N, C-alpha and C. Protein backbone atom coordinates (compact mmCIF):
# COMPACT_ATOMS: atom_id res chain seq x y z
N ARG A 1 -17.48 30.09 -35.93
CA ARG A 1 -17.19 30.62 -34.61
C ARG A 1 -17.55 29.57 -33.57
N PHE A 2 -16.66 29.37 -32.63
CA PHE A 2 -16.84 28.35 -31.61
C PHE A 2 -17.29 29.01 -30.32
N VAL A 3 -18.56 28.84 -29.97
CA VAL A 3 -19.14 29.46 -28.78
C VAL A 3 -19.50 28.36 -27.79
N ILE A 4 -19.01 28.46 -26.57
CA ILE A 4 -19.33 27.47 -25.54
C ILE A 4 -20.59 27.93 -24.82
N LYS A 5 -21.57 27.06 -24.79
CA LYS A 5 -22.83 27.38 -24.10
C LYS A 5 -22.86 26.67 -22.75
N GLY A 6 -24.02 26.59 -22.14
CA GLY A 6 -24.16 26.14 -20.77
C GLY A 6 -23.86 24.69 -20.47
N ASN A 7 -24.41 23.73 -21.18
CA ASN A 7 -24.26 22.34 -20.75
C ASN A 7 -23.52 21.51 -21.80
N ARG A 8 -23.30 20.24 -21.50
CA ARG A 8 -22.53 19.36 -22.38
C ARG A 8 -23.20 19.12 -23.72
N ARG A 9 -24.51 19.00 -23.72
CA ARG A 9 -25.21 18.76 -24.97
C ARG A 9 -25.03 19.93 -25.93
N ASP A 10 -25.11 21.14 -25.40
CA ASP A 10 -24.88 22.32 -26.24
C ASP A 10 -23.44 22.37 -26.74
N LEU A 11 -22.51 21.99 -25.88
CA LEU A 11 -21.11 21.96 -26.28
C LEU A 11 -20.88 20.94 -27.39
N ALA A 12 -21.49 19.76 -27.27
CA ALA A 12 -21.34 18.72 -28.30
C ALA A 12 -21.97 19.18 -29.61
N GLU A 13 -23.13 19.79 -29.53
CA GLU A 13 -23.78 20.27 -30.76
C GLU A 13 -22.96 21.38 -31.42
N THR A 14 -22.38 22.26 -30.63
CA THR A 14 -21.55 23.33 -31.17
C THR A 14 -20.29 22.75 -31.81
N PHE A 15 -19.66 21.78 -31.13
CA PHE A 15 -18.46 21.15 -31.69
C PHE A 15 -18.78 20.40 -32.97
N ASN A 16 -19.89 19.69 -33.01
CA ASN A 16 -20.28 18.97 -34.22
C ASN A 16 -20.55 19.92 -35.37
N SER A 17 -21.24 21.01 -35.11
CA SER A 17 -21.51 21.97 -36.18
C SER A 17 -20.22 22.64 -36.65
N TRP A 18 -19.28 22.86 -35.71
CA TRP A 18 -17.99 23.42 -36.09
C TRP A 18 -17.22 22.44 -36.99
N LEU A 19 -17.24 21.14 -36.64
CA LEU A 19 -16.57 20.15 -37.48
C LEU A 19 -17.19 20.08 -38.87
N LEU A 20 -18.52 20.12 -38.92
CA LEU A 20 -19.20 20.04 -40.22
C LEU A 20 -18.97 21.27 -41.06
N SER A 21 -18.73 22.41 -40.44
CA SER A 21 -18.51 23.63 -41.21
C SER A 21 -17.09 23.74 -41.74
N MET A 22 -16.19 22.85 -41.34
CA MET A 22 -14.80 22.92 -41.77
C MET A 22 -14.61 22.58 -43.24
N GLY A 23 -15.43 21.74 -43.77
CA GLY A 23 -15.21 21.26 -45.12
C GLY A 23 -14.33 20.03 -45.10
N THR A 24 -14.18 19.40 -46.24
CA THR A 24 -13.43 18.15 -46.33
C THR A 24 -11.96 18.32 -46.02
N CYS A 25 -11.35 19.32 -46.60
CA CYS A 25 -9.91 19.53 -46.40
C CYS A 25 -9.61 19.85 -44.94
N GLY A 26 -10.39 20.73 -44.34
CA GLY A 26 -10.18 21.08 -42.93
C GLY A 26 -10.39 19.91 -42.01
N LEU A 27 -11.38 19.09 -42.32
CA LEU A 27 -11.65 17.91 -41.50
C LEU A 27 -10.52 16.89 -41.60
N LEU A 28 -9.96 16.72 -42.80
CA LEU A 28 -8.82 15.81 -42.96
C LEU A 28 -7.59 16.31 -42.21
N VAL A 29 -7.34 17.60 -42.28
CA VAL A 29 -6.21 18.18 -41.56
C VAL A 29 -6.41 18.05 -40.05
N PHE A 30 -7.63 18.32 -39.57
CA PHE A 30 -7.94 18.18 -38.15
C PHE A 30 -7.75 16.73 -37.69
N GLY A 31 -8.22 15.77 -38.48
CA GLY A 31 -8.04 14.35 -38.14
C GLY A 31 -6.59 13.93 -38.14
N PHE A 32 -5.83 14.41 -39.12
CA PHE A 32 -4.41 14.06 -39.21
C PHE A 32 -3.64 14.63 -38.02
N LEU A 33 -3.91 15.89 -37.68
CA LEU A 33 -3.23 16.49 -36.53
C LEU A 33 -3.61 15.81 -35.23
N GLY A 34 -4.85 15.38 -35.12
CA GLY A 34 -5.26 14.62 -33.94
C GLY A 34 -4.53 13.29 -33.85
N TYR A 35 -4.38 12.61 -34.99
CA TYR A 35 -3.65 11.34 -35.03
C TYR A 35 -2.19 11.54 -34.63
N VAL A 36 -1.56 12.58 -35.16
CA VAL A 36 -0.16 12.86 -34.84
C VAL A 36 -0.01 13.16 -33.35
N LEU A 37 -0.94 13.91 -32.79
CA LEU A 37 -0.87 14.23 -31.37
C LEU A 37 -0.99 12.97 -30.51
N VAL A 38 -1.90 12.08 -30.85
CA VAL A 38 -2.07 10.83 -30.09
C VAL A 38 -0.82 9.96 -30.21
N VAL A 39 -0.25 9.88 -31.42
CA VAL A 39 0.97 9.08 -31.61
C VAL A 39 2.11 9.64 -30.77
N LEU A 40 2.26 10.95 -30.74
CA LEU A 40 3.35 11.55 -29.96
C LEU A 40 3.15 11.34 -28.46
N VAL A 41 1.92 11.41 -27.99
CA VAL A 41 1.65 11.18 -26.57
C VAL A 41 1.97 9.74 -26.19
N PHE A 42 1.55 8.78 -27.01
CA PHE A 42 1.85 7.39 -26.71
C PHE A 42 3.33 7.08 -26.86
N ALA A 43 4.01 7.72 -27.79
CA ALA A 43 5.45 7.54 -27.92
C ALA A 43 6.17 8.03 -26.67
N ALA A 44 5.72 9.15 -26.14
CA ALA A 44 6.32 9.65 -24.89
C ALA A 44 6.03 8.69 -23.74
N ALA A 45 4.84 8.13 -23.71
CA ALA A 45 4.50 7.17 -22.64
C ALA A 45 5.38 5.92 -22.74
N PHE A 46 5.60 5.42 -23.95
CA PHE A 46 6.49 4.26 -24.11
C PHE A 46 7.92 4.61 -23.74
N TYR A 47 8.36 5.81 -24.12
CA TYR A 47 9.72 6.23 -23.83
C TYR A 47 9.96 6.34 -22.33
N PHE A 48 9.03 6.99 -21.63
CA PHE A 48 9.21 7.17 -20.19
C PHE A 48 8.84 5.91 -19.41
N GLY A 49 8.15 4.97 -20.05
CA GLY A 49 7.82 3.71 -19.40
C GLY A 49 9.01 2.80 -19.25
N GLY A 50 10.04 3.04 -20.01
CA GLY A 50 11.27 2.27 -19.89
C GLY A 50 11.26 1.02 -20.74
N ASP A 51 12.27 0.21 -20.50
CA ASP A 51 12.48 -1.00 -21.30
C ASP A 51 11.46 -2.09 -21.04
N GLU A 52 10.72 -2.00 -19.94
CA GLU A 52 9.71 -3.02 -19.66
C GLU A 52 8.47 -2.86 -20.53
N CYS A 53 8.37 -1.76 -21.27
CA CYS A 53 7.21 -1.55 -22.16
C CYS A 53 7.34 -2.30 -23.47
N ALA A 54 8.54 -2.58 -23.91
CA ALA A 54 8.73 -3.22 -25.22
C ALA A 54 9.89 -4.20 -25.14
N ASN A 55 10.02 -4.99 -26.20
CA ASN A 55 11.04 -6.04 -26.22
C ASN A 55 12.39 -5.52 -26.72
N VAL A 56 12.68 -4.26 -26.54
CA VAL A 56 13.94 -3.65 -26.99
C VAL A 56 14.77 -3.31 -25.76
N GLU A 57 16.07 -3.63 -25.81
CA GLU A 57 16.92 -3.33 -24.66
C GLU A 57 17.06 -1.84 -24.42
N ASP A 58 17.38 -1.10 -25.45
CA ASP A 58 17.56 0.35 -25.32
C ASP A 58 16.44 1.04 -26.09
N LEU A 59 15.34 1.31 -25.41
CA LEU A 59 14.17 1.92 -26.06
C LEU A 59 14.38 3.43 -26.12
N ASP A 60 14.94 3.90 -27.24
CA ASP A 60 15.10 5.33 -27.42
C ASP A 60 13.82 5.93 -28.00
N TYR A 61 13.82 7.26 -28.18
CA TYR A 61 12.58 7.90 -28.62
C TYR A 61 12.21 7.49 -30.05
N ARG A 62 13.20 7.23 -30.89
CA ARG A 62 12.92 6.80 -32.26
C ARG A 62 12.20 5.46 -32.27
N ASN A 63 12.63 4.52 -31.46
CA ASN A 63 11.96 3.22 -31.38
C ASN A 63 10.59 3.33 -30.73
N SER A 64 10.44 4.20 -29.73
CA SER A 64 9.13 4.36 -29.11
C SER A 64 8.16 5.04 -30.07
N LEU A 65 8.64 5.95 -30.90
CA LEU A 65 7.80 6.56 -31.92
C LEU A 65 7.39 5.53 -32.97
N PHE A 66 8.32 4.67 -33.37
CA PHE A 66 8.01 3.60 -34.31
C PHE A 66 6.95 2.66 -33.73
N LEU A 67 7.11 2.30 -32.46
CA LEU A 67 6.16 1.40 -31.81
C LEU A 67 4.78 2.05 -31.73
N SER A 68 4.74 3.32 -31.39
CA SER A 68 3.47 4.03 -31.29
C SER A 68 2.78 4.13 -32.65
N CYS A 69 3.51 4.46 -33.69
CA CYS A 69 2.93 4.51 -35.05
C CYS A 69 2.44 3.15 -35.47
N HIS A 70 3.20 2.13 -35.15
CA HIS A 70 2.86 0.75 -35.51
C HIS A 70 1.56 0.32 -34.84
N ILE A 71 1.40 0.65 -33.57
CA ILE A 71 0.20 0.27 -32.83
C ILE A 71 -1.00 1.10 -33.27
N MET A 72 -0.83 2.42 -33.40
CA MET A 72 -1.96 3.30 -33.72
C MET A 72 -2.47 3.11 -35.15
N SER A 73 -1.62 2.67 -36.05
CA SER A 73 -2.07 2.45 -37.42
C SER A 73 -2.70 1.08 -37.59
N THR A 74 -2.78 0.30 -36.53
CA THR A 74 -3.35 -1.05 -36.49
C THR A 74 -2.72 -2.00 -37.50
N VAL A 75 -1.44 -1.75 -37.81
CA VAL A 75 -0.71 -2.68 -38.67
C VAL A 75 -0.49 -3.99 -37.93
N GLY A 76 -0.29 -3.89 -36.65
CA GLY A 76 -0.03 -5.07 -35.84
C GLY A 76 1.38 -5.03 -35.32
N PHE A 77 1.76 -6.07 -34.65
CA PHE A 77 3.09 -6.11 -34.06
C PHE A 77 4.05 -6.81 -35.00
N GLY A 78 5.26 -6.31 -35.05
CA GLY A 78 6.28 -6.87 -35.91
C GLY A 78 7.56 -7.04 -35.14
N SER A 79 8.56 -6.26 -35.50
CA SER A 79 9.87 -6.39 -34.89
C SER A 79 9.92 -5.84 -33.47
N ILE A 80 9.06 -4.90 -33.15
CA ILE A 80 8.96 -4.38 -31.78
C ILE A 80 7.53 -4.60 -31.30
N TYR A 81 7.38 -5.09 -30.09
CA TYR A 81 6.05 -5.33 -29.54
C TYR A 81 6.08 -5.07 -28.04
N THR A 82 4.91 -4.83 -27.49
CA THR A 82 4.82 -4.55 -26.06
C THR A 82 5.00 -5.85 -25.27
N THR A 83 5.52 -5.68 -24.05
CA THR A 83 5.76 -6.85 -23.21
C THR A 83 4.91 -6.86 -21.95
N SER A 84 4.13 -5.80 -21.73
CA SER A 84 3.31 -5.77 -20.54
C SER A 84 1.85 -5.59 -20.93
N ASP A 85 0.96 -5.79 -19.97
CA ASP A 85 -0.47 -5.70 -20.24
C ASP A 85 -0.99 -4.28 -20.14
N TYR A 86 -0.22 -3.34 -19.69
CA TYR A 86 -0.70 -1.96 -19.55
C TYR A 86 0.08 -0.98 -20.36
């Protein structure tokens, strides 16, 4: 059960105990879903950032998703890479 208490320290302790009570399978699923969410958010940012975000002329959502997965998995840059500092 996830109960929010008064201050941040109590919230962190409650969240940590909730994570530890999930078990291995639940923790892996939680981590995977968190990774997928972050990849989708960054893919949307690359997509709406336009062509100045990457070295591709027509940056569609498929290419921005590929770029986001490529960056978040720390594989490194390959055929598509960012062109700006932000």
